[in-house]
Amino acid sequence: MKTFAVAGLTTIALAISFAAEAEPDVAALEAGYKTASENLKTELTEALTHEDVRKSILEPLWKANKAMSDASVATVKAFKMKGEPVHLSDEAELRIDNITERPPFLRQDVADLYNRYRSAVVINLSSYGKDGRPMSSKDYPYDVTIAVAADPQIHWNFPTTAEALQAIGDRVLEAAKGRFKMAEESYQRVIDYKRAKGLIR
């Protein structure tokens, strides 16, 4: 099994690098990948227009954003800080910015009759508030990477819409957990401060 980086290589150079094996049709692989990518993007974009789908994915993020906002209010009040608390939208939405149209790498396995060529598809997403403005955070944008493969006939096996949505939901949940943790840490600092001042026991 060999792995070859696609980025920065011309199609001819990549084909030569495969010469020791079955000399795959790189152009056909890339064309098939692009078609599968475009189909997935169309399907995901349509799926995210449904309120129930968005809610199932984004509800953890909404709750985490509210927790962060509440923690910011408590912090500003406790420390008598100047300025306004940070308010994160608890109605954040998700947008598909990009889906890779060329395989980021190609791995050929001549011994595998079903998954002869392996790669991955990367889905780039961002979150924005109810006002349409992008949300600024180290958690955004989201990058979701899913393994894909093509058979010897160069038919790419991309994730179904349901599988891709599940992967996106898992990534959003991961980010939401990070936000909940930051909120808890903020509350703990407030508690420690109040204890140090003798305001609470």
Foldseek 3Di string as FASTA:
>chain_A
DDKFFDPPDDQVRVLVVCVVDDSAPQVLLLVLLLVVQVVLLVLLVVQLVDPVLFCLQCQLVLVLQVLQQVLQQLLCVLVVDPDDGDHDASAKGKDWPDKDSGFRMWDADPVDQAFGIKGKIKTWMFIDHPVRHTDDDPLPDFIFIDIWGAGSVSNIDDDDNVVVSVSSSVSSNVVSVVSNVVSVVSVVVSVVVCVVVVNDD
